[in-house]
Structure formats: C-alpha cells, structure tokens
Amino acid sequence: MKKAYAVLFGSFMLAACGEDNSTSATGSLNANDFGEGYTIAIPFRYDEATGIAYQGTYSCNYHPDSKTFSWEENMESLDPGSFRIVGDSLWMGPVQKQSSDNDDEQTFLDAYYNVETLALSNNHDGIYGVWNVTGCERKLGESNIKCTKYIGNMSGIARTLTITKDTVYNTTIVDANNLVINEINLEVILNKELGFNIGNQYQLDNEQIIKKYPTQDFKRSFSIGNQMFEQTFTFKFDSTGMNYITKMSSNGKTCTRTQRAGFITEKMCKEESAEFLLSDRDKSEERYYYEEGPVESFGIDNDDEYYECTKGLPTEETKQLLNQYIVNSND
C-alpha cells in the first residue's frame, strides 16, 4: 500500500487492532490537552465520469543523482482510489480488488486493502464538501457493513475530510471517547525495552515473578520481583504532526520516548534536510533508502536514546532475577 493512501486513511497508530484484551477509555481523559488536530493537504483530482479519485498528483520527489528534492507533478497519481456517493454517504476504497495466490497475503489484502470506508456529510455537493469519516467498513463487492471504534485501523481519533476540486484536507484529532486501550505487552517490554530475551514468560507469570496491574487510562503498571515499573502515554496532534510521547519510570528515573509522524508538504520539501525528508524510509537497506521517487511521509523519533535509557532501569536485584530465565541464543 502506498504511503499517501496510508496517511489519508490512517496508518499512524494510537491503538492498533489486535487481541481483544482492551478497555474503553474513561471520561477523565478529556481533561488532557490533545492539541487542535493535525491537518494535511493532499493534492487531488476527481474524475466525474469514472468515479476515480487521484491522490498524490503532486509530491516531494528525491533524485539520487543530484541528491536533491523537488516538489513535482507526477506522471501518474500515487494512489488512485474509488469515491462513490450514495445520498449523504461516501464510500472510499481501492479502484479494484487486489488478489494473491498466497492465502496469508490474500487474508491481509482482504483485511486492510480490499475494503471500503464510509464517510457521512450533511454539507456537500457531490463528493465536494466536508465529510466525517466513520469506523464503518465493508469488503469490496459485499453489502455487509461492520462498524467499530477504529478509523483507518486507529482507535481514539475523529477524522474529517474536506474535499475541494484540487485538494483533500484531512484533519485528525484525538477523541478520548473513542479510544480502546490495549493491555500492556510484557513480552515486548522485557525484550525490547528492558533487554532481556526471556524464553518462557509463562513461567514468570506462574511463579508470580512478574505481575500486571489494572490499566488506568494512559497509565499501565507492572512489577518484576520487588521492582515496580510504570508506563504512561500522551498524544498531541497539532500543526507539527502527530506527536506521541511514552514514558517508562522506575525508582525515580524516567525515560521518555518521543515520536512525530506526518505528511511531507511542499514547504517541507523545499526547506527540510535530507535526513528529515528520508526519515520514514527503511535505513537498513541503502538502495531503498536512497531510491529515486516520492517521499510522502516523515517519522522522527529518539528510539535509540530511549531504549538505551530503559535498559538501565532494572536494579541489580531485578537483573539477577531475570537472568535466570534468559534464553541462550546459541541453544
């Protein structure tokens, strides 16, 4: 799936769909300052005859030979999609169904690509106007509609599309009333954040070495032996992008992870550094990192600093306790 399509329909996760180990947010979350919302302007053209919406008609393009970026009109739309009006309903989805001979890949395509998303409006002329995106979807070619708290695979948001002749203005705000909070994933925390490759977490659970405590809005707590840990999350969507802040604390020490994601604008394309403009590309393979073509989104974080900090949180007592359960990579 192309990045611009992903940005328009919500690839940036507040809470991703997963196991049904979740709770709904409480009203106290509304006291938080989540920002005024993040708006992106996506170059757009609509073909009335075919019902095809062409998104990404202009984009920031990287040219490796000259190591330069330029805002250019694309020969083809980066992400054509189907926009269909039924009364005050707008169904948005792919132009045609994608298929694969691989069953697992087909399952993925049917779940995340071959679907239409419903938006509603009482202020529109055809497709042009202001649309409120819902959490209602249906598989392409089917009539059964499924509605959840997730909009574009994100819970905890509200999204508005203002469609004009040449631009789609996509505004996303945090909506605490629509938030589903997933339970803490201790396997990920033990391995990635604390640096312990535990082979059998169930043994830790059964021996009550590690304990989870009830989730309280954006705060999740757990203990390992005698050491208590607390993890908190906050979000702020504003003109700078979608900002996510995670804090892990224990024994008076706090590690802070900051993440900022968004869509690359013409102004950014002309003014920002190459490091910023290429930030959402995979750095692990140089030929893809410096590949000719569009750079549609950015992703800035301090992950290296954060994980170095969190791995220093366990006390010597906790380290000795967990070391008994570490898996030897040579085994």
C-alpha atoms as a PDB file:
ATOM      1  CA  MET A   1       0.000   0.000   0.000  1.00  0.00           C
ATOM      2  CA  LYS A   2       1.426   3.401  -0.941  1.00  0.00           C
ATOM      3  CA  LYS A   3       2.282   5.845   1.833  1.00  0.00           C
ATOM      4  CA  ALA A   4      -0.042   8.675   0.756  1.00  0.00           C
ATOM      5  CA  TYR A   5      -3.020   6.302   0.795  1.00  0.00           C
ATOM      6  CA  ALA A   6      -1.912   5.084   4.207  1.00  0.00           C
ATOM      7  CA  VAL A   7      -1.683   8.630   5.560  1.00  0.00           C
ATOM      8  CA  LEU A   8      -5.101   9.561   4.204  1.00  0.00           C
ATOM      9  CA  PHE A   9      -6.816   6.551   5.704  1.00  0.00           C
ATOM     10  CA  GLY A  10      -4.795   6.323   8.904  1.00  0.00           C
ATOM     11  CA  SER A  11      -1.611   4.333   9.188  1.00  0.00           C
ATOM     12  CA  PHE A  12      -0.367   6.113  12.290  1.00  0.00           C
ATOM     13  CA  MET A  13      -1.495   4.082  15.270  1.00  0.00           C
ATOM     14  CA  LEU A  14      -2.913   5.254  18.553  1.00  0.00           C
ATOM     15  CA  ALA A  15      -4.065   1.731  19.321  1.00  0.00           C
ATOM     16  CA  ALA A  16      -3.780  -0.852  16.600  1.00  0.00           C
ATOM     17  CA  CYS A  17      -6.374  -3.557  16.125  1.00  0.00           C
ATOM     18  CA  GLY A  18      -5.199  -6.705  17.871  1.00  0.00           C
ATOM     19  CA  GLU A  19      -6.229  -9.154  20.523  1.00  0.00           C
ATOM     20  CA  ASP A  20      -9.432  -8.301  22.332  1.00  0.00           C
ATOM     21  CA  ASN A  21      -7.575  -7.585  25.575  1.00  0.00           C
ATOM     22  CA  SER A  22      -8.646  -3.973  25.806  1.00  0.00           C
ATOM     23  CA  THR A  23     -10.717  -1.481  27.726  1.00  0.00           C
ATOM     24  CA  SER A  24     -12.575   1.656  26.776  1.00  0.00           C
ATOM     25  CA  ALA A  25     -11.262   4.995  27.941  1.00  0.00           C
ATOM     26  CA  THR A  26     -12.930   6.851  30.790  1.00  0.00           C
ATOM     27  CA  GLY A  27     -14.236  10.406  30.777  1.00  0.00           C
ATOM     28  CA  SER A  28     -11.244  11.687  32.754  1.00  0.00           C
ATOM     29  CA  LEU A  29      -9.117  11.560  29.613  1.00  0.00           C
ATOM     30  CA  ASN A  30     -10.976  14.532  28.177  1.00  0.00           C
ATOM     31  CA  ALA A  31      -9.080  16.804  30.591  1.00  0.00           C
ATOM     32  CA  ASN A  32      -5.870  16.229  28.614  1.00  0.00           C
ATOM     33  CA  ASP A  33      -4.604  18.703  26.028  1.00  0.00           C
ATOM     34  CA  PHE A  34      -4.511  16.659  22.830  1.00  0.00           C
ATOM     35  CA  GLY A  35      -3.921  19.639  20.540  1.00  0.00           C
ATOM     36  CA  GLU A  36      -6.107  21.282  17.918  1.00  0.00           C
ATOM     37  CA  GLY A  37      -5.693  18.427  15.456  1.00  0.00           C
ATOM     38  CA  TYR A  38      -3.363  17.645  12.578  1.00  0.00           C
ATOM     39  CA  THR A  39      -4.371  18.703   9.071  1.00  0.00           C
ATOM     40  CA  ILE A  40      -2.669  17.613   5.879  1.00  0.00           C
ATOM     41  CA  ALA A  41      -3.407  18.917   2.385  1.00  0.00           C
ATOM     42  CA  ILE A  42      -3.205  16.205  -0.260  1.00  0.00           C
ATOM     43  CA  PRO A  43      -3.130  17.211  -3.951  1.00  0.00           C
ATOM     44  CA  PHE A  44      -6.223  15.681  -5.513  1.00  0.00           C
ATOM     45  CA  ARG A  45      -8.192  15.312  -8.726  1.00  0.00           C
ATOM     46  CA  TYR A  46     -11.547  13.596  -9.232  1.00  0.00           C
ATOM     47  CA  ASP A  47     -12.785  12.096 -12.497  1.00  0.00           C
ATOM     48  CA  GLU A  48     -16.570  12.538 -12.521  1.00  0.00           C
ATOM     49  CA  ALA A  49     -17.025  10.025 -15.340  1.00  0.00           C
ATOM     50  CA  THR A  50     -15.186   7.096 -13.750  1.00  0.00           C
ATOM     51  CA  GLY A  51     -15.545   7.941 -10.023  1.00  0.00           C
ATOM     52  CA  ILE A  52     -11.778   7.597  -9.607  1.00  0.00           C
ATOM     53  CA  ALA A  53     -10.077   9.950  -7.156  1.00  0.00           C
ATOM     54  CA  TYR A  54      -6.436  10.648  -7.892  1.00  0.00           C
ATOM     55  CA  GLN A  55      -4.441  11.413  -4.741  1.00  0.00           C
ATOM     56  CA  GLY A  56      -0.801  12.422  -4.713  1.00  0.00           C
ATOM     57  CA  THR A  57      -0.934  14.167  -8.086  1.00  0.00           C
ATOM     58  CA  TYR A  58       1.967  16.259  -6.735  1.00  0.00           C
ATOM     59  CA  SER A  59       4.610  15.082  -4.296  1.00  0.00           C
ATOM     60  CA  CYS A  60       8.110  15.633  -2.970  1.00  0.00           C
ATOM     61  CA  ASN A  61      10.460  13.548  -5.109  1.00  0.00           C
ATOM     62  CA  TYR A  62      14.023  12.533  -4.334  1.00  0.00           C
ATOM     63  CA  HIS A  63      16.635  12.485  -7.120  1.00  0.00           C
ATOM     64  CA  PRO A  64      19.686  10.463  -6.009  1.00  0.00           C
ATOM     65  CA  ASP A  65      21.952  11.513  -8.911  1.00  0.00           C
ATOM     66  CA  SER A  66      21.869  15.140  -7.771  1.00  0.00           C
ATOM     67  CA  LYS A  67      20.909  14.325  -4.153  1.00  0.00           C
ATOM     68  CA  THR A  68      18.086  16.863  -4.361  1.00  0.00           C
ATOM     69  CA  PHE A  69      14.380  17.024  -3.582  1.00  0.00           C
ATOM     70  CA  SER A  70      11.767  18.769  -5.699  1.00  0.00           C
ATOM     71  CA  TRP A  71       8.009  19.297  -5.500  1.00  0.00           C
ATOM     72  CA  GLU A  72       6.718  17.947  -8.805  1.00  0.00           C
ATOM     73  CA  GLU A  73       3.606  16.872 -10.615  1.00  0.00           C
ATOM     74  CA  ASN A  74       3.587  13.108 -11.036  1.00  0.00           C
ATOM     75  CA  MET A  75       3.023  11.405 -14.367  1.00  0.00           C
ATOM     76  CA  GLU A  76       0.530   9.145 -12.591  1.00  0.00           C
ATOM     77  CA  SER A  77      -1.351   9.538  -9.323  1.00  0.00           C
ATOM     78  CA  LEU A  78       0.484   7.855  -6.461  1.00  0.00           C
ATOM     79  CA  ASP A  79      -2.741   6.422  -5.081  1.00  0.00           C
ATOM     80  CA  PRO A  80      -5.854   6.288  -7.252  1.00  0.00           C
ATOM     81  CA  GLY A  81      -8.987   5.271  -5.351  1.00  0.00           C
ATOM     82  CA  SER A  82     -12.710   4.887  -5.859  1.00  0.00           C
ATOM     83  CA  PHE A  83     -15.046   7.531  -4.365  1.00  0.00           C
ATOM     84  CA  ARG A  84     -18.731   6.627  -4.657  1.00  0.00           C
ATOM     85  CA  ILE A  85     -21.656   8.745  -3.465  1.00  0.00           C
ATOM     86  CA  VAL A  86     -24.885   7.195  -2.187  1.00  0.00           C
ATOM     87  CA  GLY A  87     -27.098  10.016  -0.868  1.00  0.00           C
ATOM     88  CA  ASP A  88     -25.211  11.584   2.056  1.00  0.00           C
ATOM     89  CA  SER A  89     -22.786   8.657   2.209  1.00  0.00           C
ATOM     90  CA  LEU A  90     -19.349   8.500   0.604  1.00  0.00           C
ATOM     91  CA  TRP A  91     -17.710   5.114   0.141  1.00  0.00           C
ATOM     92  CA  MET A  92     -13.912   5.279  -0.305  1.00  0.00           C
ATOM     93  CA  GLY A  93     -11.778   2.345  -1.352  1.00  0.00           C
ATOM     94  CA  PRO A  94      -9.439   0.904  -3.982  1.00  0.00           C
ATOM     95  CA  VAL A  95     -10.269   1.080  -7.681  1.00  0.00           C
ATOM     96  CA  GLN A  96     -10.238  -2.688  -7.957  1.00  0.00           C
ATOM     97  CA  LYS A  97      -9.810  -5.705  -5.734  1.00  0.00           C
ATOM     98  CA  GLN A  98      -6.276  -6.957  -5.209  1.00  0.00           C
ATOM     99  CA  SER A  99      -5.691 -10.700  -5.227  1.00  0.00           C
ATOM    100  CA  SER A 100      -2.855 -13.088  -4.454  1.00  0.00           C
ATOM    101  CA  ASP A 101      -2.146 -16.788  -4.853  1.00  0.00           C
ATOM    102  CA  ASN A 102      -0.768 -16.783  -1.317  1.00  0.00           C
ATOM    103  CA  ASP A 103      -3.555 -17.404   1.222  1.00  0.00           C
ATOM    104  CA  ASP A 104      -1.889 -15.406   4.007  1.00  0.00           C
ATOM    105  CA  GLU A 105      -1.266 -12.459   1.713  1.00  0.00           C
ATOM    106  CA  GLN A 106      -4.859 -12.617   0.453  1.00  0.00           C
ATOM    107  CA  THR A 107      -6.130 -12.542   4.023  1.00  0.00           C
ATOM    108  CA  PHE A 108      -4.034  -9.442   4.644  1.00  0.00           C
ATOM    109  CA  LEU A 109      -5.276  -7.770   1.446  1.00  0.00           C
ATOM    110  CA  ASP A 110      -8.921  -8.514   2.296  1.00  0.00           C
ATOM    111  CA  ALA A 111      -8.499  -7.137   5.815  1.00  0.00           C
ATOM    112  CA  TYR A 112      -6.553  -3.955   5.054  1.00  0.00           C
ATOM    113  CA  TYR A 113      -6.839  -3.142   1.345  1.00  0.00           C
ATOM    114  CA  ASN A 114      -9.937  -4.651  -0.255  1.00  0.00           C
ATOM    115  CA  VAL A 115     -12.298  -2.622   1.915  1.00  0.00           C
ATOM    116  CA  GLU A 116     -14.417   0.498   1.520  1.00  0.00           C
ATOM    117  CA  THR A 117     -14.645   3.083   4.307  1.00  0.00           C
ATOM    118  CA  LEU A 118     -17.820   5.076   4.970  1.00  0.00           C
ATOM    119  CA  ALA A 119     -17.907   8.853   5.461  1.00  0.00           C
ATOM    120  CA  LEU A 120     -21.064  10.887   6.139  1.00  0.00           C
ATOM    121  CA  SER A 121     -21.966  14.501   5.387  1.00  0.00           C
ATOM    122  CA  ASN A 122     -24.839  16.967   5.501  1.00  0.00           C
ATOM    123  CA  ASN A 123     -22.724  19.641   3.828  1.00  0.00           C
ATOM    124  CA  HIS A 124     -21.658  18.526   0.374  1.00  0.00           C
ATOM    125  CA  ASP A 125     -22.217  18.943  -3.353  1.00  0.00           C
ATOM    126  CA  GLY A 126     -21.466  15.561  -4.849  1.00  0.00           C
ATOM    127  CA  ILE A 127     -18.142  14.491  -3.396  1.00  0.00           C
ATOM    128  CA  TYR A 128     -17.101  18.076  -2.666  1.00  0.00           C
ATOM    129  CA  GLY A 129     -17.711  19.234   0.882  1.00  0.00           C
ATOM    130  CA  VAL A 130     -16.993  18.235   4.479  1.00  0.00           C
ATOM    131  CA  TRP A 131     -17.117  14.531   5.341  1.00  0.00           C
ATOM    132  CA  ASN A 132     -16.894  12.808   8.722  1.00  0.00           C
ATOM    133  CA  VAL A 133     -15.058   9.516   8.393  1.00  0.00           C
ATOM    134  CA  THR A 134     -16.666   6.675  10.360  1.00  0.00           C
ATOM    135  CA  GLY A 135     -15.406   3.393  11.737  1.00  0.00           C
ATOM    136  CA  CYS A 136     -17.728   1.559   9.338  1.00  0.00           C
ATOM    137  CA  GLU A 137     -16.301  -0.593   6.569  1.00  0.00           C
ATOM    138  CA  ARG A 138     -17.350  -3.295   4.153  1.00  0.00           C
ATOM    139  CA  LYS A 139     -15.371  -5.663   1.990  1.00  0.00           C
ATOM    140  CA  LEU A 140     -15.168  -4.670  -1.642  1.00  0.00           C
ATOM    141  CA  GLY A 141     -18.141  -6.089  -3.556  1.00  0.00           C
ATOM    142  CA  GLU A 142     -20.077  -7.018  -0.409  1.00  0.00           C
ATOM    143  CA  SER A 143     -23.015  -5.308   1.293  1.00  0.00           C
ATOM    144  CA  ASN A 144     -22.425  -6.341   4.925  1.00  0.00           C
ATOM    145  CA  ILE A 145     -21.173  -3.344   6.951  1.00  0.00           C
ATOM    146  CA  LYS A 146     -19.039  -3.689  10.084  1.00  0.00           C
ATOM    147  CA  CYS A 147     -18.656  -0.702  12.444  1.00  0.00           C
ATOM    148  CA  THR A 148     -16.046  -0.403  15.222  1.00  0.00           C
ATOM    149  CA  LYS A 149     -14.224   2.310  17.174  1.00  0.00           C
ATOM    150  CA  TYR A 150     -11.354   2.066  14.701  1.00  0.00           C
ATOM    151  CA  ILE A 151     -10.974   4.612  11.892  1.00  0.00           C
ATOM    152  CA  GLY A 152      -8.288   3.599   9.433  1.00  0.00           C
ATOM    153  CA  ASN A 153      -7.081   0.970  11.933  1.00  0.00           C
ATOM    154  CA  MET A 154      -6.761   3.631  14.657  1.00  0.00           C
ATOM    155  CA  SER A 155      -8.886   3.975  17.754  1.00  0.00           C
ATOM    156  CA  GLY A 156      -9.153   7.172  19.744  1.00  0.00           C
ATOM    157  CA  ILE A 157      -9.452   9.549  16.805  1.00  0.00           C
ATOM    158  CA  ALA A 158     -12.032  11.505  14.828  1.00  0.00           C
ATOM    159  CA  ARG A 159     -11.308  12.371  11.207  1.00  0.00           C
ATOM    160  CA  THR A 160     -12.744  14.942   8.821  1.00  0.00           C
ATOM    161  CA  LEU A 161     -12.123  15.183   5.079  1.00  0.00           C
ATOM    162  CA  THR A 162     -12.751  18.494   3.343  1.00  0.00           C
ATOM    163  CA  ILE A 163     -12.711  17.778  -0.370  1.00  0.00           C
ATOM    164  CA  THR A 164     -12.220  20.540  -2.942  1.00  0.00           C
ATOM    165  CA  LYS A 165     -11.558  20.410  -6.690  1.00  0.00           C
ATOM    166  CA  ASP A 166      -7.785  20.112  -6.253  1.00  0.00           C
ATOM    167  CA  THR A 167      -7.102  19.238  -2.591  1.00  0.00           C
ATOM    168  CA  VAL A 168      -8.256  16.928   0.185  1.00  0.00           C
ATOM    169  CA  TYR A 169      -7.773  18.479   3.638  1.00  0.00           C
ATOM    170  CA  ASN A 170      -7.522  15.605   6.094  1.00  0.00           C
ATOM    171  CA  THR A 171      -7.937  16.654   9.750  1.00  0.00           C
ATOM    172  CA  THR A 172      -7.335  14.112  12.515  1.00  0.00           C
ATOM    173  CA  ILE A 173      -7.978  14.876  16.186  1.00  0.00           C
ATOM    174  CA  VAL A 174      -7.669  12.758  19.313  1.00  0.00           C
ATOM    175  CA  ASP A 175     -11.080  11.608  20.553  1.00  0.00           C
ATOM    176  CA  ALA A 176     -10.747  10.071  24.019  1.00  0.00           C
ATOM    177  CA  ASN A 177     -14.349   8.837  23.955  1.00  0.00           C
ATOM    178  CA  ASN A 178     -13.455   6.633  21.011  1.00  0.00           C
ATOM    179  CA  LEU A 179     -10.267   5.196  22.487  1.00  0.00           C
ATOM    180  CA  VAL A 180      -9.623   1.494  23.059  1.00  0.00           C
ATOM    181  CA  ILE A 181      -6.614   0.891  25.314  1.00  0.00           C
ATOM    182  CA  ASN A 182      -4.752  -2.351  24.723  1.00  0.00           C
ATOM    183  CA  GLU A 183      -3.250  -4.266  27.613  1.00  0.00           C
ATOM    184  CA  ILE A 184       0.447  -3.966  28.250  1.00  0.00           C
ATOM    185  CA  ASN A 185       2.589  -6.382  26.212  1.00  0.00           C
ATOM    186  CA  LEU A 186       5.139  -7.668  28.711  1.00  0.00           C
ATOM    187  CA  GLU A 187       6.971  -9.822  26.178  1.00  0.00           C
ATOM    188  CA  VAL A 188       7.813  -6.737  24.104  1.00  0.00           C
ATOM    189  CA  ILE A 189       8.770  -4.719  27.193  1.00  0.00           C
ATOM    190  CA  LEU A 190      11.029  -7.440  28.587  1.00  0.00           C
ATOM    191  CA  ASN A 191      12.805  -7.987  25.283  1.00  0.00           C
ATOM    192  CA  LYS A 192      12.906  -4.614  23.553  1.00  0.00           C
ATOM    193  CA  GLU A 193      12.732  -2.097  26.370  1.00  0.00           C
ATOM    194  CA  LEU A 194      14.493  -3.871  29.228  1.00  0.00           C
ATOM    195  CA  GLY A 195      16.812  -6.005  27.082  1.00  0.00           C
ATOM    196  CA  PHE A 196      16.010  -9.497  28.397  1.00  0.00           C
ATOM    197  CA  ASN A 197      15.332 -12.299  25.915  1.00  0.00           C
ATOM    198  CA  ILE A 198      13.008 -14.367  28.084  1.00  0.00           C
ATOM    199  CA  GLY A 199      12.200 -17.768  26.678  1.00  0.00           C
ATOM    200  CA  ASN A 200       9.241 -18.669  28.862  1.00  0.00           C
ATOM    201  CA  GLN A 201       7.270 -15.713  30.157  1.00  0.00           C
ATOM    202  CA  TYR A 202       4.536 -18.070  31.385  1.00  0.00           C
ATOM    203  CA  GLN A 203       6.964 -19.379  33.983  1.00  0.00           C
ATOM    204  CA  LEU A 204       7.482 -15.821  35.220  1.00  0.00           C
ATOM    205  CA  ASP A 205       3.710 -15.410  35.423  1.00  0.00           C
ATOM    206  CA  ASN A 206       3.125 -18.743  37.164  1.00  0.00           C
ATOM    207  CA  GLU A 207       5.807 -18.067  39.742  1.00  0.00           C
ATOM    208  CA  GLN A 208       4.368 -14.558  40.200  1.00  0.00           C
ATOM    209  CA  ILE A 209       7.737 -13.001  39.448  1.00  0.00           C
ATOM    210  CA  ILE A 210       6.102 -10.591  37.049  1.00  0.00           C
ATOM    211  CA  LYS A 211       2.710  -9.013  37.688  1.00  0.00           C
ATOM    212  CA  LYS A 212       0.451  -6.719  35.674  1.00  0.00           C
ATOM    213  CA  TYR A 213      -1.827  -4.194  37.336  1.00  0.00           C
ATOM    214  CA  PRO A 214      -5.131  -2.789  36.027  1.00  0.00           C
ATOM    215  CA  THR A 215      -4.771  -0.217  33.254  1.00  0.00           C
ATOM    216  CA  GLN A 216      -5.760   3.322  34.262  1.00  0.00           C
ATOM    217  CA  ASP A 217      -6.434   5.390  31.147  1.00  0.00           C
ATOM    218  CA  PHE A 218      -2.961   6.160  29.756  1.00  0.00           C
ATOM    219  CA  LYS A 219      -1.067   4.586  32.660  1.00  0.00           C
ATOM    220  CA  ARG A 220      -0.001   0.937  32.787  1.00  0.00           C
ATOM    221  CA  SER A 221       1.944  -0.635  35.639  1.00  0.00           C
ATOM    222  CA  PHE A 222       3.760  -3.894  36.252  1.00  0.00           C
ATOM    223  CA  SER A 223       6.281  -5.298  38.702  1.00  0.00           C
ATOM    224  CA  ILE A 224       9.235  -7.646  38.384  1.00  0.00           C
ATOM    225  CA  GLY A 225      10.093  -9.134  41.740  1.00  0.00           C
ATOM    226  CA  ASN A 226      10.218  -6.199  44.152  1.00  0.00           C
ATOM    227  CA  GLN A 227      10.653  -3.535  41.475  1.00  0.00           C
ATOM    228  CA  MET A 228       7.671  -1.515  40.218  1.00  0.00           C
ATOM    229  CA  PHE A 229       7.529  -0.035  36.691  1.00  0.00           C
ATOM    230  CA  GLU A 230       5.073   2.488  35.274  1.00  0.00           C
ATOM    231  CA  GLN A 231       4.477   3.341  31.627  1.00  0.00           C
ATOM    232  CA  THR A 232       2.441   6.369  30.528  1.00  0.00           C
ATOM    233  CA  PHE A 233       1.341   7.630  27.118  1.00  0.00           C
ATOM    234  CA  THR A 234       0.253  11.022  25.850  1.00  0.00           C
ATOM    235  CA  PHE A 235      -0.679  12.263  22.393  1.00  0.00           C
ATOM    236  CA  LYS A 236      -0.779  15.689  20.811  1.00  0.00           C
ATOM    237  CA  PHE A 237      -1.960  16.302  17.271  1.00  0.00           C
ATOM    238  CA  ASP A 238      -1.166  19.808  16.051  1.00  0.00           C
ATOM    239  CA  SER A 239       0.464  21.692  13.175  1.00  0.00           C
ATOM    240  CA  THR A 240       3.786  19.908  13.789  1.00  0.00           C
ATOM    241  CA  GLY A 241       2.278  16.473  13.150  1.00  0.00           C
ATOM    242  CA  MET A 242       1.016  13.524  15.170  1.00  0.00           C
ATOM    243  CA  ASN A 243       3.109  13.538  18.338  1.00  0.00           C
ATOM    244  CA  TYR A 244       3.341  10.508  20.623  1.00  0.00           C
ATOM    245  CA  ILE A 245       5.115  10.580  23.999  1.00  0.00           C
ATOM    246  CA  THR A 246       5.845   7.432  26.007  1.00  0.00           C
ATOM    247  CA  LYS A 247       7.417   7.466  29.467  1.00  0.00           C
ATOM    248  CA  MET A 248       8.796   4.491  31.376  1.00  0.00           C
ATOM    249  CA  SER A 249       9.577   5.102  35.050  1.00  0.00           C
ATOM    250  CA  SER A 250      11.011   3.159  37.953  1.00  0.00           C
ATOM    251  CA  ASN A 251      12.803   4.046  41.199  1.00  0.00           C
ATOM    252  CA  GLY A 252      12.679   7.777  40.477  1.00  0.00           C
ATOM    253  CA  LYS A 253      14.208   7.516  36.972  1.00  0.00           C
ATOM    254  CA  THR A 254      12.141   8.305  33.858  1.00  0.00           C
ATOM    255  CA  CYS A 255      12.910   7.514  30.205  1.00  0.00           C
ATOM    256  CA  THR A 256      10.999   9.491  27.571  1.00  0.00           C
ATOM    257  CA  ARG A 257      10.316   8.376  24.020  1.00  0.00           C
ATOM    258  CA  THR A 258       9.131  10.997  21.517  1.00  0.00           C
ATOM    259  CA  GLN A 259       7.715  10.184  18.088  1.00  0.00           C
ATOM    260  CA  ARG A 260       6.422  12.576  15.450  1.00  0.00           C
ATOM    261  CA  ALA A 261       4.767  11.484  12.228  1.00  0.00           C
ATOM    262  CA  GLY A 262       3.113  13.316   9.382  1.00  0.00           C
ATOM    263  CA  PHE A 263       2.805  14.104   5.704  1.00  0.00           C
ATOM    264  CA  ILE A 264       5.509  15.948   3.752  1.00  0.00           C
ATOM    265  CA  THR A 265       4.280  19.286   2.408  1.00  0.00           C
ATOM    266  CA  GLU A 266       5.626  21.450  -0.402  1.00  0.00           C
ATOM    267  CA  LYS A 267       7.191  23.809   2.156  1.00  0.00           C
ATOM    268  CA  MET A 268       8.949  20.929   3.919  1.00  0.00           C
ATOM    269  CA  CYS A 269      10.151  19.556   0.583  1.00  0.00           C
ATOM    270  CA  LYS A 270      11.893  22.853  -0.167  1.00  0.00           C
ATOM    271  CA  GLU A 271      13.224  23.653   3.305  1.00  0.00           C
ATOM    272  CA  GLU A 272      13.854  20.488   5.350  1.00  0.00           C
ATOM    273  CA  SER A 273      17.050  18.405   5.425  1.00  0.00           C
ATOM    274  CA  ALA A 274      17.574  15.108   3.605  1.00  0.00           C
ATOM    275  CA  GLU A 275      17.665  13.331   6.976  1.00  0.00           C
ATOM    276  CA  PHE A 276      14.170  14.633   7.747  1.00  0.00           C
ATOM    277  CA  LEU A 277      12.686  14.010   4.294  1.00  0.00           C
ATOM    278  CA  LEU A 278      14.017  10.445   4.135  1.00  0.00           C
ATOM    279  CA  SER A 279      13.185   9.701   7.785  1.00  0.00           C
ATOM    280  CA  ASP A 280      10.280   7.359   7.039  1.00  0.00           C
ATOM    281  CA  ARG A 281      12.283   5.189   4.672  1.00  0.00           C
ATOM    282  CA  ASP A 282      13.928   1.954   5.778  1.00  0.00           C
ATOM    283  CA  LYS A 283      17.544   2.757   6.652  1.00  0.00           C
ATOM    284  CA  SER A 284      18.571  -0.911   6.803  1.00  0.00           C
ATOM    285  CA  GLU A 285      18.886  -1.208   3.008  1.00  0.00           C
ATOM    286  CA  GLU A 286      20.767   1.667   1.398  1.00  0.00           C
ATOM    287  CA  ARG A 287      19.465   1.065  -2.126  1.00  0.00           C
ATOM    288  CA  TYR A 288      15.874   1.570  -0.936  1.00  0.00           C
ATOM    289  CA  TYR A 289      16.757   4.417   1.405  1.00  0.00           C
ATOM    290  CA  TYR A 290      18.229   6.445  -1.465  1.00  0.00           C
ATOM    291  CA  GLU A 291      15.849   5.205  -4.153  1.00  0.00           C
ATOM    292  CA  GLU A 292      14.553   7.645  -6.767  1.00  0.00           C
ATOM    293  CA  GLY A 293      10.947   8.630  -6.216  1.00  0.00           C
ATOM    294  CA  PRO A 294       8.427  10.194  -3.855  1.00  0.00           C
ATOM    295  CA  VAL A 295       8.916  10.773  -0.137  1.00  0.00           C
ATOM    296  CA  GLU A 296       5.395  11.168   1.200  1.00  0.00           C
ATOM    297  CA  SER A 297       5.656  10.998   4.982  1.00  0.00           C
ATOM    298  CA  PHE A 298       8.118  11.614   7.795  1.00  0.00           C
ATOM    299  CA  GLY A 299       8.764   9.799  11.057  1.00  0.00           C
ATOM    300  CA  ILE A 300      11.059  11.296  13.708  1.00  0.00           C
ATOM    301  CA  ASP A 301      11.914   9.578  16.999  1.00  0.00           C
ATOM    302  CA  ASN A 302      14.564   9.179  19.666  1.00  0.00           C
ATOM    303  CA  ASP A 303      14.255   5.391  19.883  1.00  0.00           C
ATOM    304  CA  ASP A 304      17.988   4.662  20.284  1.00  0.00           C
ATOM    305  CA  GLU A 305      18.285   7.055  23.217  1.00  0.00           C
ATOM    306  CA  TYR A 306      15.030   5.792  24.759  1.00  0.00           C
ATOM    307  CA  TYR A 307      15.906   2.083  24.626  1.00  0.00           C
ATOM    308  CA  GLU A 308      19.378   2.746  25.991  1.00  0.00           C
ATOM    309  CA  CYS A 309      17.707   4.514  28.909  1.00  0.00           C
ATOM    310  CA  THR A 310      15.059   1.839  29.600  1.00  0.00           C
ATOM    311  CA  LYS A 311      17.661  -0.930  29.630  1.00  0.00           C
ATOM    312  CA  GLY A 312      19.252   0.894  32.537  1.00  0.00           C
ATOM    313  CA  LEU A 313      16.066   0.878  34.644  1.00  0.00           C
ATOM    314  CA  PRO A 314      16.254  -2.640  36.188  1.00  0.00           C
ATOM    315  CA  THR A 315      18.042  -2.799  39.523  1.00  0.00           C
ATOM    316  CA  GLU A 316      20.825  -5.309  40.119  1.00  0.00           C
ATOM    317  CA  GLU A 317      18.353  -7.441  42.064  1.00  0.00           C
ATOM    318  CA  THR A 318      15.913  -7.428  39.130  1.00  0.00           C
ATOM    319  CA  LYS A 319      18.692  -8.221  36.642  1.00  0.00           C
ATOM    320  CA  GLN A 320      19.828 -11.218  38.662  1.00  0.00           C
ATOM    321  CA  LEU A 321      16.238 -12.418  38.885  1.00  0.00           C
ATOM    322  CA  LEU A 322      15.600 -12.168  35.125  1.00  0.00           C
ATOM    323  CA  ASN A 323      18.991 -13.557  34.130  1.00  0.00           C
ATOM    324  CA  GLN A 324      17.822 -16.958  35.379  1.00  0.00           C
ATOM    325  CA  TYR A 325      15.242 -17.059  32.570  1.00  0.00           C
ATOM    326  CA  ILE A 326      17.262 -15.684  29.652  1.00  0.00           C
ATOM    327  CA  VAL A 327      17.344 -17.818  26.510  1.00  0.00           C
ATOM    328  CA  ASN A 328      20.848 -18.604  25.217  1.00  0.00           C
ATOM    329  CA  SER A 329      20.886 -17.574  21.542  1.00  0.00           C
ATOM    330  CA  ASN A 330      23.290 -20.443  20.785  1.00  0.00           C
ATOM    331  CA  ASP A 331      20.886 -23.074  22.099  1.00  0.00           C
END
